[in-house]
């Protein structure tokens, strides 16, 4: 067990406080972000990619179903993939990795989503009278 003098302990404390202040400053300047926020941003990007590519068969199948020329079908499919990739290259995740890591409780309360009252969806069942 190592015993420290008061001065050594105080020096370590001041050093740690300075390091924390530097990290907070880096977050404010946008040169540092939290790991969880980066993961969330990547999840958002990958979800968008997945959705875009899973939509391709629905978009392309009706056109390719009637196509008899393999070259034309291949070109159309390549163009659809390139179009999807172009759209994805401009994708901006809705998460700000720098800002969300340092959100305070007050900011969270200000941006809280107000829940809407639940309403029934669909048409009413037969034989029932709806009073509005």
C-alpha atoms as a PDB file:
ATOM      1  CA  UNK A   1       0.000   0.000   0.000  1.00  0.00           C
ATOM      2  CA  UNK A   2       1.407   3.358  -1.021  1.00  0.00           C
ATOM      3  CA  UNK A   3       0.926   6.386   1.221  1.00  0.00           C
ATOM      4  CA  UNK A   4       0.865   9.807  -0.345  1.00  0.00           C
ATOM      5  CA  UNK A   5       1.648  13.079   1.222  1.00  0.00           C
ATOM      6  CA  UNK A   6      -0.929  15.814   1.245  1.00  0.00           C
ATOM      7  CA  UNK A   7       0.969  17.686  -1.467  1.00  0.00           C
ATOM      8  CA  UNK A   8       1.108  14.601  -3.740  1.00  0.00           C
ATOM      9  CA  UNK A   9      -2.614  13.969  -3.334  1.00  0.00           C
ATOM     10  CA  UNK A  10      -3.406  17.625  -3.958  1.00  0.00           C
ATOM     11  CA  UNK A  11      -1.193  17.650  -7.082  1.00  0.00           C
ATOM     12  CA  UNK A  12      -2.986  14.550  -8.439  1.00  0.00           C
ATOM     13  CA  UNK A  13      -6.379  16.140  -7.765  1.00  0.00           C
ATOM     14  CA  UNK A  14      -5.461  19.393  -9.493  1.00  0.00           C
ATOM     15  CA  UNK A  15      -3.995  17.473 -12.422  1.00  0.00           C
ATOM     16  CA  UNK A  16      -7.173  15.390 -12.780  1.00  0.00           C
ATOM     17  CA  UNK A  17      -9.368  18.502 -12.609  1.00  0.00           C
ATOM     18  CA  UNK A  18      -7.252  20.160 -15.310  1.00  0.00           C
ATOM     19  CA  UNK A  19      -7.547  17.079 -17.528  1.00  0.00           C
ATOM     20  CA  UNK A  20     -11.338  17.021 -17.078  1.00  0.00           C
ATOM     21  CA  UNK A  21     -11.518  20.720 -17.963  1.00  0.00           C
ATOM     22  CA  UNK A  22      -9.449  20.091 -21.113  1.00  0.00           C
ATOM     23  CA  UNK A  23     -11.769  17.257 -22.155  1.00  0.00           C
ATOM     24  CA  UNK A  24     -14.845  19.457 -21.616  1.00  0.00           C
ATOM     25  CA  UNK A  25     -13.217  22.204 -23.678  1.00  0.00           C
ATOM     26  CA  UNK A  26     -12.455  19.725 -26.457  1.00  0.00           C
ATOM     27  CA  UNK A  27     -16.133  18.654 -26.470  1.00  0.00           C
ATOM     28  CA  UNK A  28     -17.249  22.272 -26.665  1.00  0.00           C
ATOM     29  CA  UNK A  29     -14.829  22.974 -29.532  1.00  0.00           C
ATOM     30  CA  UNK A  30     -16.045  19.888 -31.373  1.00  0.00           C
ATOM     31  CA  UNK A  31     -12.751  18.020 -31.349  1.00  0.00           C
ATOM     32  CA  UNK A  32     -13.964  15.326 -28.944  1.00  0.00           C
ATOM     33  CA  UNK A  33     -17.159  13.303 -28.850  1.00  0.00           C
ATOM     34  CA  UNK A  34     -18.552  10.541 -26.695  1.00  0.00           C
ATOM     35  CA  UNK A  35     -18.204   6.932 -27.857  1.00  0.00           C
ATOM     36  CA  UNK A  36     -21.906   6.231 -27.326  1.00  0.00           C
ATOM     37  CA  UNK A  37     -22.818   9.154 -29.577  1.00  0.00           C
ATOM     38  CA  UNK A  38     -20.517   7.950 -32.352  1.00  0.00           C
ATOM     39  CA  UNK A  39     -22.034   4.477 -32.111  1.00  0.00           C
ATOM     40  CA  UNK A  40     -25.544   5.969 -32.283  1.00  0.00           C
ATOM     41  CA  UNK A  41     -24.620   8.049 -35.337  1.00  0.00           C
ATOM     42  CA  UNK A  42     -23.185   4.987 -37.111  1.00  0.00           C
ATOM     43  CA  UNK A  43     -26.268   2.965 -36.235  1.00  0.00           C
ATOM     44  CA  UNK A  44     -28.368   5.687 -37.845  1.00  0.00           C
ATOM     45  CA  UNK A  45     -26.231   5.630 -41.002  1.00  0.00           C
ATOM     46  CA  UNK A  46     -26.292   1.846 -41.244  1.00  0.00           C
ATOM     47  CA  UNK A  47     -30.048   1.770 -40.670  1.00  0.00           C
ATOM     48  CA  UNK A  48     -30.505   4.232 -43.544  1.00  0.00           C
ATOM     49  CA  UNK A  49     -28.293   2.052 -45.789  1.00  0.00           C
ATOM     50  CA  UNK A  50     -30.228  -1.058 -44.893  1.00  0.00           C
ATOM     51  CA  UNK A  51     -33.567   0.624 -45.578  1.00  0.00           C
ATOM     52  CA  UNK A  52     -32.386   2.044 -48.900  1.00  0.00           C
ATOM     53  CA  UNK A  53     -31.043  -1.285 -50.175  1.00  0.00           C
ATOM     54  CA  UNK A  54     -34.030  -3.296 -48.964  1.00  0.00           C
ATOM     55  CA  UNK A  55     -36.273  -0.902 -50.909  1.00  0.00           C
ATOM     56  CA  UNK A  56     -34.435  -1.573 -54.177  1.00  0.00           C
ATOM     57  CA  UNK A  57     -36.211  -4.843 -55.082  1.00  0.00           C
ATOM     58  CA  UNK A  58     -39.626  -3.213 -54.648  1.00  0.00           C
ATOM     59  CA  UNK A  59     -38.563  -0.281 -56.794  1.00  0.00           C
ATOM     60  CA  UNK A  60     -36.752  -2.233 -59.515  1.00  0.00           C
ATOM     61  CA  UNK A  61     -38.663  -5.529 -59.766  1.00  0.00           C
ATOM     62  CA  UNK A  62     -41.702  -4.231 -61.706  1.00  0.00           C
ATOM     63  CA  UNK A  63     -39.464  -2.749 -64.381  1.00  0.00           C
ATOM     64  CA  UNK A  64     -37.072  -5.683 -64.622  1.00  0.00           C
ATOM     65  CA  UNK A  65     -39.894  -8.253 -64.680  1.00  0.00           C
ATOM     66  CA  UNK A  66     -40.770  -7.289 -68.248  1.00  0.00           C
ATOM     67  CA  UNK A  67     -37.192  -6.781 -69.429  1.00  0.00           C
ATOM     68  CA  UNK A  68     -35.826  -9.521 -71.698  1.00  0.00           C
ATOM     69  CA  UNK A  69     -32.439  -7.974 -72.473  1.00  0.00           C
ATOM     70  CA  UNK A  70     -29.896  -8.905 -69.789  1.00  0.00           C
ATOM     71  CA  UNK A  71     -27.654  -5.918 -70.546  1.00  0.00           C
ATOM     72  CA  UNK A  72     -30.540  -3.456 -70.171  1.00  0.00           C
ATOM     73  CA  UNK A  73     -31.639  -5.121 -66.910  1.00  0.00           C
ATOM     74  CA  UNK A  74     -28.064  -5.025 -65.578  1.00  0.00           C
ATOM     75  CA  UNK A  75     -27.673  -1.345 -66.511  1.00  0.00           C
ATOM     76  CA  UNK A  76     -30.976  -0.439 -64.882  1.00  0.00           C
ATOM     77  CA  UNK A  77     -30.048  -2.291 -61.698  1.00  0.00           C
ATOM     78  CA  UNK A  78     -26.607  -0.643 -61.582  1.00  0.00           C
ATOM     79  CA  UNK A  79     -28.183   2.784 -62.059  1.00  0.00           C
ATOM     80  CA  UNK A  80     -30.652   2.127 -59.231  1.00  0.00           C
ATOM     81  CA  UNK A  81     -27.799   1.070 -56.927  1.00  0.00           C
ATOM     82  CA  UNK A  82     -25.714   4.125 -57.874  1.00  0.00           C
ATOM     83  CA  UNK A  83     -28.716   6.371 -57.245  1.00  0.00           C
ATOM     84  CA  UNK A  84     -29.182   4.820 -53.795  1.00  0.00           C
ATOM     85  CA  UNK A  85     -25.481   5.240 -53.016  1.00  0.00           C
ATOM     86  CA  UNK A  86     -25.569   8.874 -54.144  1.00  0.00           C
ATOM     87  CA  UNK A  87     -28.523   9.580 -51.867  1.00  0.00           C
ATOM     88  CA  UNK A  88     -26.760   7.832 -48.997  1.00  0.00           C
ATOM     89  CA  UNK A  89     -23.572   9.828 -49.549  1.00  0.00           C
ATOM     90  CA  UNK A  90     -25.548  12.957 -48.670  1.00  0.00           C
ATOM     91  CA  UNK A  91     -27.164  11.362 -45.602  1.00  0.00           C
ATOM     92  CA  UNK A  92     -26.750  13.306 -42.382  1.00  0.00           C
ATOM     93  CA  UNK A  93     -27.507  11.379 -39.187  1.00  0.00           C
ATOM     94  CA  UNK A  94     -29.919  13.162 -36.899  1.00  0.00           C
ATOM     95  CA  UNK A  95     -27.496  12.769 -33.997  1.00  0.00           C
ATOM     96  CA  UNK A  96     -24.926  15.463 -33.277  1.00  0.00           C
ATOM     97  CA  UNK A  97     -22.064  13.438 -31.729  1.00  0.00           C
ATOM     98  CA  UNK A  98     -20.427  16.480 -30.161  1.00  0.00           C
ATOM     99  CA  UNK A  99     -23.538  18.027 -28.644  1.00  0.00           C
ATOM    100  CA  UNK A 100     -25.337  14.953 -27.339  1.00  0.00           C
ATOM    101  CA  UNK A 101     -22.436  13.823 -25.153  1.00  0.00           C
ATOM    102  CA  UNK A 102     -22.630  16.951 -23.033  1.00  0.00           C
ATOM    103  CA  UNK A 103     -26.377  17.460 -22.831  1.00  0.00           C
ATOM    104  CA  UNK A 104     -27.442  18.619 -19.407  1.00  0.00           C
ATOM    105  CA  UNK A 105     -30.607  17.655 -17.573  1.00  0.00           C
ATOM    106  CA  UNK A 106     -32.077  21.118 -18.281  1.00  0.00           C
ATOM    107  CA  UNK A 107     -31.548  20.711 -22.032  1.00  0.00           C
ATOM    108  CA  UNK A 108     -33.150  17.279 -21.924  1.00  0.00           C
ATOM    109  CA  UNK A 109     -36.206  18.683 -20.163  1.00  0.00           C
ATOM    110  CA  UNK A 110     -36.496  21.527 -22.684  1.00  0.00           C
ATOM    111  CA  UNK A 111     -36.455  19.169 -25.651  1.00  0.00           C
ATOM    112  CA  UNK A 112     -38.682  16.493 -24.135  1.00  0.00           C
ATOM    113  CA  UNK A 113     -41.329  15.178 -26.491  1.00  0.00           C
ATOM    114  CA  UNK A 114     -44.885  15.761 -25.380  1.00  0.00           C
ATOM    115  CA  UNK A 115     -46.886  12.570 -25.766  1.00  0.00           C
ATOM    116  CA  UNK A 116     -50.075  12.894 -27.747  1.00  0.00           C
ATOM    117  CA  UNK A 117     -53.174  11.184 -26.423  1.00  0.00           C
ATOM    118  CA  UNK A 118     -53.679   7.794 -28.030  1.00  0.00           C
ATOM    119  CA  UNK A 119     -56.487   7.533 -30.514  1.00  0.00           C
ATOM    120  CA  UNK A 120     -57.995   4.532 -32.133  1.00  0.00           C
ATOM    121  CA  UNK A 121     -56.769   3.686 -35.596  1.00  0.00           C
ATOM    122  CA  UNK A 122     -58.822   2.019 -38.303  1.00  0.00           C
ATOM    123  CA  UNK A 123     -62.482   1.959 -39.078  1.00  0.00           C
ATOM    124  CA  UNK A 124     -65.123   1.259 -36.463  1.00  0.00           C
ATOM    125  CA  UNK A 125     -66.519  -2.249 -36.064  1.00  0.00           C
ATOM    126  CA  UNK A 126     -69.884  -2.971 -37.631  1.00  0.00           C
ATOM    127  CA  UNK A 127     -72.918  -2.494 -35.478  1.00  0.00           C
ATOM    128  CA  UNK A 128     -71.382   0.094 -33.204  1.00  0.00           C
ATOM    129  CA  UNK A 129     -72.343   3.713 -33.127  1.00  0.00           C
ATOM    130  CA  UNK A 130     -69.497   6.173 -32.759  1.00  0.00           C
ATOM    131  CA  UNK A 131     -70.249   9.343 -30.808  1.00  0.00           C
ATOM    132  CA  UNK A 132     -67.747  12.100 -31.359  1.00  0.00           C
END
